[in-house]
Amino acid sequence: MAEAYRQAWGLDEPVPAQFVNWLGNLVTGDLGVSRLIPGQEVSAVLASRLGASALLVTTALALVLAGSLIMGVLAARFRDSALDWFVRTVSYTNAFAPSFWVVLLAI
């Protein structure tokens, strides 16, 4: 069973050969068959989820831009106040903290 799996996925070849095969398939647009959803092409799975992903990214970007603009204007209006200090602290934390750490804090 394991050997058949290795042969089917090309895992019995050396790693450089696997990479060259993968890269050749990628250049031609063949992303292969999904391991998580048997029998479905990876490109079809990605295409079916593209609309929802684009909506999510667009909404998040709009919220972040609007929120940043509002907070920046408020920080400039109330310069050297507690609000300005808070906005600067949050901005510096988001800019310099590792993203995985910020996400863990958000959760």
C-alpha atoms as a PDB file:
ATOM      1  CA  MET A   1       0.000   0.000   0.000  1.00  0.00           C
ATOM      2  CA  ALA A   2       2.712   2.494   0.980  1.00  0.00           C
ATOM      3  CA  GLU A   3       4.849   1.540  -2.010  1.00  0.00           C
ATOM      4  CA  ALA A   4       1.922   2.026  -4.387  1.00  0.00           C
ATOM      5  CA  TYR A   5       1.340   5.457  -2.868  1.00  0.00           C
ATOM      6  CA  ARG A   6       5.011   6.391  -3.318  1.00  0.00           C
ATOM      7  CA  GLN A   7       4.948   5.320  -6.964  1.00  0.00           C
ATOM      8  CA  ALA A   8       1.644   7.052  -7.695  1.00  0.00           C
ATOM      9  CA  TRP A   9       2.890  10.377  -6.326  1.00  0.00           C
ATOM     10  CA  GLY A  10       6.451  10.035  -7.632  1.00  0.00           C
ATOM     11  CA  LEU A  11       7.938   9.900  -4.138  1.00  0.00           C
ATOM     12  CA  ASP A  12      10.155   6.970  -5.100  1.00  0.00           C
ATOM     13  CA  GLU A  13      12.306   9.302  -7.231  1.00  0.00           C
ATOM     14  CA  PRO A  14      15.167  11.439  -5.873  1.00  0.00           C
ATOM     15  CA  VAL A  15      14.160  14.838  -4.494  1.00  0.00           C
ATOM     16  CA  PRO A  16      15.817  16.835  -7.318  1.00  0.00           C
ATOM     17  CA  ALA A  17      13.899  14.773  -9.889  1.00  0.00           C
ATOM     18  CA  GLN A  18      10.659  15.340  -7.957  1.00  0.00           C
ATOM     19  CA  PHE A  19      11.321  19.075  -7.980  1.00  0.00           C
ATOM     20  CA  VAL A  20      12.066  19.174 -11.711  1.00  0.00           C
ATOM     21  CA  ASN A  21       8.879  17.185 -12.434  1.00  0.00           C
ATOM     22  CA  TRP A  22       6.842  19.498 -10.211  1.00  0.00           C
ATOM     23  CA  LEU A  23       8.348  22.617 -11.788  1.00  0.00           C
ATOM     24  CA  GLY A  24       7.704  21.293 -15.300  1.00  0.00           C
ATOM     25  CA  ASN A  25       4.086  20.569 -14.427  1.00  0.00           C
ATOM     26  CA  LEU A  26       3.716  23.999 -12.828  1.00  0.00           C
ATOM     27  CA  VAL A  27       5.027  25.765 -15.932  1.00  0.00           C
ATOM     28  CA  THR A  28       2.522  23.921 -18.104  1.00  0.00           C
ATOM     29  CA  GLY A  29      -0.345  24.718 -15.708  1.00  0.00           C
ATOM     30  CA  ASP A  30      -0.780  21.174 -14.394  1.00  0.00           C
ATOM     31  CA  LEU A  31      -1.112  21.457 -10.614  1.00  0.00           C
ATOM     32  CA  GLY A  32      -1.975  17.795 -10.260  1.00  0.00           C
ATOM     33  CA  VAL A  33      -4.698  15.954  -8.386  1.00  0.00           C
ATOM     34  CA  SER A  34      -5.729  16.984  -4.887  1.00  0.00           C
ATOM     35  CA  ARG A  35      -4.676  14.693  -2.069  1.00  0.00           C
ATOM     36  CA  LEU A  36      -7.377  16.084   0.218  1.00  0.00           C
ATOM     37  CA  ILE A  37     -10.244  15.839  -2.277  1.00  0.00           C
ATOM     38  CA  PRO A  38      -9.611  12.639  -4.260  1.00  0.00           C
ATOM     39  CA  GLY A  39     -10.293  12.766  -7.962  1.00  0.00           C
ATOM     40  CA  GLN A  40     -10.370  16.562  -8.241  1.00  0.00           C
ATOM     41  CA  GLU A  41      -7.779  18.702  -9.973  1.00  0.00           C
ATOM     42  CA  VAL A  42      -6.020  21.212  -7.729  1.00  0.00           C
ATOM     43  CA  SER A  43      -6.680  24.007 -10.246  1.00  0.00           C
ATOM     44  CA  ALA A  44     -10.422  23.261 -10.140  1.00  0.00           C
ATOM     45  CA  VAL A  45     -10.439  23.313  -6.337  1.00  0.00           C
ATOM     46  CA  LEU A  46      -8.562  26.640  -6.310  1.00  0.00           C
ATOM     47  CA  ALA A  47     -10.863  28.139  -8.946  1.00  0.00           C
ATOM     48  CA  SER A  48     -13.981  27.128  -7.008  1.00  0.00           C
ATOM     49  CA  ARG A  49     -12.730  29.005  -3.939  1.00  0.00           C
ATOM     50  CA  LEU A  50     -11.322  32.054  -5.721  1.00  0.00           C
ATOM     51  CA  GLY A  51     -14.477  34.172  -5.447  1.00  0.00           C
ATOM     52  CA  ALA A  52     -14.853  33.725  -1.694  1.00  0.00           C
ATOM     53  CA  SER A  53     -11.149  34.401  -1.136  1.00  0.00           C
ATOM     54  CA  ALA A  54     -11.255  37.562  -3.251  1.00  0.00           C
ATOM     55  CA  LEU A  55     -14.300  38.815  -1.332  1.00  0.00           C
ATOM     56  CA  LEU A  56     -12.586  38.141   1.993  1.00  0.00           C
ATOM     57  CA  VAL A  57      -9.358  39.886   0.964  1.00  0.00           C
ATOM     58  CA  THR A  58     -11.191  42.884  -0.509  1.00  0.00           C
ATOM     59  CA  THR A  59     -13.365  43.320   2.585  1.00  0.00           C
ATOM     60  CA  ALA A  60     -10.417  43.011   4.956  1.00  0.00           C
ATOM     61  CA  LEU A  61      -8.359  45.475   2.921  1.00  0.00           C
ATOM     62  CA  ALA A  62     -11.207  48.005   2.847  1.00  0.00           C
ATOM     63  CA  LEU A  63     -11.701  47.721   6.614  1.00  0.00           C
ATOM     64  CA  VAL A  64      -7.999  48.071   7.336  1.00  0.00           C
ATOM     65  CA  LEU A  65      -7.590  51.069   5.030  1.00  0.00           C
ATOM     66  CA  ALA A  66     -10.667  52.847   6.384  1.00  0.00           C
ATOM     67  CA  GLY A  67      -9.724  52.133   9.997  1.00  0.00           C
ATOM     68  CA  SER A  68      -6.123  53.230   9.444  1.00  0.00           C
ATOM     69  CA  LEU A  69      -7.189  56.453   7.788  1.00  0.00           C
ATOM     70  CA  ILE A  70      -9.616  57.302  10.591  1.00  0.00           C
ATOM     71  CA  MET A  71      -7.125  56.452  13.337  1.00  0.00           C
ATOM     72  CA  GLY A  72      -4.353  58.395  11.579  1.00  0.00           C
ATOM     73  CA  VAL A  73      -6.512  61.503  11.239  1.00  0.00           C
ATOM     74  CA  LEU A  74      -7.592  61.264  14.894  1.00  0.00           C
ATOM     75  CA  ALA A  75      -3.995  60.783  16.042  1.00  0.00           C
ATOM     76  CA  ALA A  76      -2.930  63.836  14.028  1.00  0.00           C
ATOM     77  CA  ARG A  77      -5.833  65.914  15.330  1.00  0.00           C
ATOM     78  CA  PHE A  78      -5.180  65.027  18.978  1.00  0.00           C
ATOM     79  CA  ARG A  79      -1.391  65.088  18.803  1.00  0.00           C
ATOM     80  CA  ASP A  80       0.520  64.110  21.974  1.00  0.00           C
ATOM     81  CA  SER A  81      -2.656  62.868  23.674  1.00  0.00           C
ATOM     82  CA  ALA A  82      -3.461  59.429  25.045  1.00  0.00           C
ATOM     83  CA  LEU A  83      -5.242  58.609  21.774  1.00  0.00           C
ATOM     84  CA  ASP A  84      -2.145  59.538  19.755  1.00  0.00           C
ATOM     85  CA  TRP A  85       0.038  57.423  22.045  1.00  0.00           C
ATOM     86  CA  PHE A  86      -2.350  54.461  21.683  1.00  0.00           C
ATOM     87  CA  VAL A  87      -2.484  54.714  17.871  1.00  0.00           C
ATOM     88  CA  ARG A  88       1.318  54.954  17.638  1.00  0.00           C
ATOM     89  CA  THR A  89       1.787  51.985  19.976  1.00  0.00           C
ATOM     90  CA  VAL A  90      -0.645  49.810  18.008  1.00  0.00           C
ATOM     91  CA  SER A  91       0.961  50.886  14.722  1.00  0.00           C
ATOM     92  CA  TYR A  92       4.487  50.103  15.902  1.00  0.00           C
ATOM     93  CA  THR A  93       3.370  46.756  17.320  1.00  0.00           C
ATOM     94  CA  ASN A  94       1.692  45.782  14.045  1.00  0.00           C
ATOM     95  CA  ALA A  95       4.674  46.913  11.999  1.00  0.00           C
ATOM     96  CA  PHE A  96       7.443  45.262  13.995  1.00  0.00           C
ATOM     97  CA  ALA A  97       5.860  42.282  15.753  1.00  0.00           C
ATOM     98  CA  PRO A  98       5.903  38.919  13.984  1.00  0.00           C
ATOM     99  CA  SER A  99       2.561  38.323  12.297  1.00  0.00           C
ATOM    100  CA  PHE A 100       2.073  34.892  13.888  1.00  0.00           C
ATOM    101  CA  TRP A 101       2.455  36.480  17.337  1.00  0.00           C
ATOM    102  CA  VAL A 102      -0.063  39.230  16.578  1.00  0.00           C
ATOM    103  CA  VAL A 103      -2.538  36.618  15.338  1.00  0.00           C
ATOM    104  CA  LEU A 104      -2.092  34.545  18.487  1.00  0.00           C
ATOM    105  CA  LEU A 105      -2.772  37.640  20.586  1.00  0.00           C
ATOM    106  CA  ALA A 106      -5.846  38.433  18.511  1.00  0.00           C
ATOM    107  CA  ILE A 107      -7.223  34.935  19.030  1.00  0.00           C
END
